[in-house]
Every structure is written in C-alpha cells, then in structure tokens.
C-alpha cells in the first residue's frame, strides 16, 4: 500500500519561496506516477503539476508555469515541489498524489495534467499561505 506523507507548508510573503516534500513508502518509488494538487474552500481540487513514472515528463498548470518545479529523488523516496515567486492566489491546501495501477500512462503527454480522480493515493495535505 502506497503511503504519502507531506511536509514543508507554511506562511510566506508574496514573492517568496517554499518547498513541499512528499515522502513515499510501501511501493517501489520508480513505479509511481506523482502529482501535486491544491484546493481552496468551496472549490474543486486543482491539478498543479505532475511527474511521469520515469520522471522524464513533467507538466504544469498554466497558472504556475515558470514558478513551480516538481522533482523526484529516488534515493530519498521523495517528490518535491519547489514554489517560487509565490502570489496570494497560490494560497491553498496542497496535496501530493500517487498512482500505481496505471502509472505508466500518467503524465506522459505534453501539457497533460491528470485529473484528481485518476490518483488513488493521497497525502494528508499541507497548508500554504501567501500574504500580500
């Protein structure tokens, strides 16, 4: 059973940076496709970034392109999201997601962000608050 534990959220001023971490356990790390999502109250969970199972393909929502970077460290079984030039509209709870069953088909097309329902495994969420 894949388990995901997030860390790294917090409060930051507009223009600042944060790095979210998501440590995976319970399954071979290089057989997992990962995604980052965010959600604010009253809105649907929004896809932010994804990484293919191999890590060779990454995609981003238009709203974060050029500011956020998803990466993975197989030695630490951890996927990261570096968030730079943060804005007040980035304030949300951020979730790490992982998929095993159809991982090889996830996030493999350019500009393609999987939907939340395509991921089975989820982290507990991390609050990111950007003050203006």
Protein backbone atom coordinates (compact mmCIF):
# COMPACT_ATOMS: atom_id res chain seq x y z
CA UNK A 1 0.00 0.00 0.00
CA UNK A 2 1.48 3.31 -1.09
CA UNK A 3 1.63 5.88 1.70
CA UNK A 4 2.41 9.56 1.20
CA UNK A 5 3.47 11.99 3.92
CA UNK A 6 3.78 15.66 3.13
CA UNK A 7 5.80 18.38 4.79
CA UNK A 8 7.01 21.88 4.09
CA UNK A 9 3.92 24.06 4.07
CA UNK A 10 3.75 27.37 5.90
CA UNK A 11 3.31 31.11 5.75
CA UNK A 12 5.33 33.18 3.31
CA UNK A 13 5.19 36.70 1.95
CA UNK A 14 4.26 37.39 -1.62
CA UNK A 15 7.26 36.86 -3.87
CA UNK A 16 8.79 34.33 -1.50
CA UNK A 17 9.53 30.64 -1.90
CA UNK A 18 8.57 27.35 -0.27
CA UNK A 19 9.42 23.74 -0.98
CA UNK A 20 6.91 20.99 -0.36
CA UNK A 21 8.09 17.43 0.20
CA UNK A 22 6.17 14.19 -0.15
CA UNK A 23 7.83 11.06 1.17
CA UNK A 24 6.53 7.82 -0.30
CA UNK A 25 6.64 4.38 1.27
CA UNK A 26 5.14 0.97 0.72
CA UNK A 27 5.85 0.66 -3.00
CA UNK A 28 8.72 0.88 -5.43
CA UNK A 29 9.27 4.61 -5.92
CA UNK A 30 10.16 4.29 -9.60
CA UNK A 31 6.81 2.62 -10.29
CA UNK A 32 4.75 5.56 -9.06
CA UNK A 33 3.43 8.49 -11.05
CA UNK A 34 3.06 11.59 -8.89
CA UNK A 35 1.00 14.73 -8.95
CA UNK A 36 0.54 17.86 -6.87
CA UNK A 37 -2.89 19.38 -6.40
CA UNK A 38 -4.27 22.28 -4.43
CA UNK A 39 -7.65 23.16 -3.04
CA UNK A 40 -9.29 26.20 -1.50
CA UNK A 41 -12.61 26.09 0.37
CA UNK A 42 -15.59 25.90 -1.92
CA UNK A 43 -13.59 24.96 -5.00
CA UNK A 44 -12.62 21.72 -6.67
CA UNK A 45 -9.18 20.24 -6.25
CA UNK A 46 -6.95 21.73 -8.94
CA UNK A 47 -4.07 19.98 -10.64
CA UNK A 48 -0.83 21.93 -10.29
CA UNK A 49 1.94 19.65 -11.55
CA UNK A 50 2.65 16.05 -12.41
CA UNK A 51 5.63 13.77 -12.92
CA UNK A 52 5.56 10.65 -15.03
CA UNK A 53 6.61 7.33 -13.52
CA UNK A 54 10.09 7.66 -15.02
CA UNK A 55 10.36 11.30 -14.04
CA UNK A 56 11.21 12.21 -17.63
CA UNK A 57 7.96 14.07 -18.26
CA UNK A 58 6.62 16.87 -16.10
CA UNK A 59 3.65 19.12 -16.75
CA UNK A 60 2.30 22.20 -15.05
CA UNK A 61 -0.87 24.22 -14.82
CA UNK A 62 -0.61 27.47 -16.75
CA UNK A 63 -1.01 29.42 -13.53
CA UNK A 64 2.26 28.06 -12.10
CA UNK A 65 4.44 27.54 -15.18
CA UNK A 66 7.84 29.11 -14.73
CA UNK A 67 7.35 29.44 -10.96
CA UNK A 68 6.83 25.88 -9.67
CA UNK A 69 9.05 22.85 -10.27
CA UNK A 70 8.23 19.22 -9.50
CA UNK A 71 11.14 16.86 -8.96
CA UNK A 72 11.79 13.44 -7.51
CA UNK A 73 14.67 11.89 -5.56
CA UNK A 74 14.66 8.11 -5.78
CA UNK A 75 17.34 7.80 -3.09
CA UNK A 76 15.07 9.55 -0.61
CA UNK A 77 11.77 8.18 -1.98
CA UNK A 78 10.59 11.77 -2.04
CA UNK A 79 8.89 14.01 -4.57
CA UNK A 80 9.25 17.76 -4.20
CA UNK A 81 7.57 20.87 -5.42
CA UNK A 82 9.66 24.00 -5.37
CA UNK A 83 7.43 27.06 -5.40
CA UNK A 84 8.98 30.43 -6.26
CA UNK A 85 7.54 33.90 -6.79
CA UNK A 86 4.54 32.96 -4.71
CA UNK A 87 1.37 35.01 -5.00
CA UNK A 88 -1.62 35.43 -2.74
CA UNK A 89 -3.70 33.36 -5.17
CA UNK A 90 -1.40 30.39 -4.53
CA UNK A 91 -2.81 30.15 -1.00
CA UNK A 92 -4.39 26.71 -0.63
CA UNK A 93 -4.01 23.28 0.89
CA UNK A 94 -1.57 21.37 -1.28
CA UNK A 95 -1.86 17.62 -1.75
CA UNK A 96 0.59 15.08 -3.06
CA UNK A 97 -0.96 12.25 -5.07
CA UNK A 98 0.40 8.95 -6.34
CA UNK A 99 -0.80 6.33 -8.77
CA UNK A 100 0.46 2.78 -9.19
CA UNK A 101 -2.05 0.79 -11.21
CA UNK A 102 -1.88 2.80 -14.41
CA UNK A 103 1.20 4.79 -13.52
CA UNK A 104 2.84 4.18 -16.88
CA UNK A 105 0.04 6.07 -18.59
CA UNK A 106 0.02 9.09 -16.26
CA UNK A 107 1.52 12.44 -17.19
CA UNK A 108 3.14 11.15 -20.37
CA UNK A 109 1.66 13.59 -22.87
CA UNK A 110 2.94 17.17 -23.20
CA UNK A 111 0.73 19.68 -21.43
CA UNK A 112 -1.39 16.89 -19.96
CA UNK A 113 -2.34 17.12 -16.28
CA UNK A 114 -4.22 14.10 -14.91
CA UNK A 115 -7.45 14.72 -13.04
CA UNK A 116 -7.69 14.18 -9.31
CA UNK A 117 -9.92 11.10 -9.73
CA UNK A 118 -7.11 9.35 -11.61
CA UNK A 119 -4.98 9.16 -8.48
CA UNK A 120 -5.76 6.62 -5.77
CA UNK A 121 -3.23 7.53 -3.09
CA UNK A 122 -3.10 10.91 -1.34
CA UNK A 123 -1.05 12.72 1.24
CA UNK A 124 -2.63 14.45 4.22
CA UNK A 125 -2.30 17.94 2.76
CA UNK A 126 -0.11 20.92 3.63
CA UNK A 127 -1.35 24.45 4.13
CA UNK A 128 0.42 27.12 2.11
CA UNK A 129 -0.48 30.70 2.93
CA UNK A 130 0.92 33.62 0.94
CA UNK A 131 0.46 37.03 2.50
CA UNK A 132 0.30 40.09 0.28
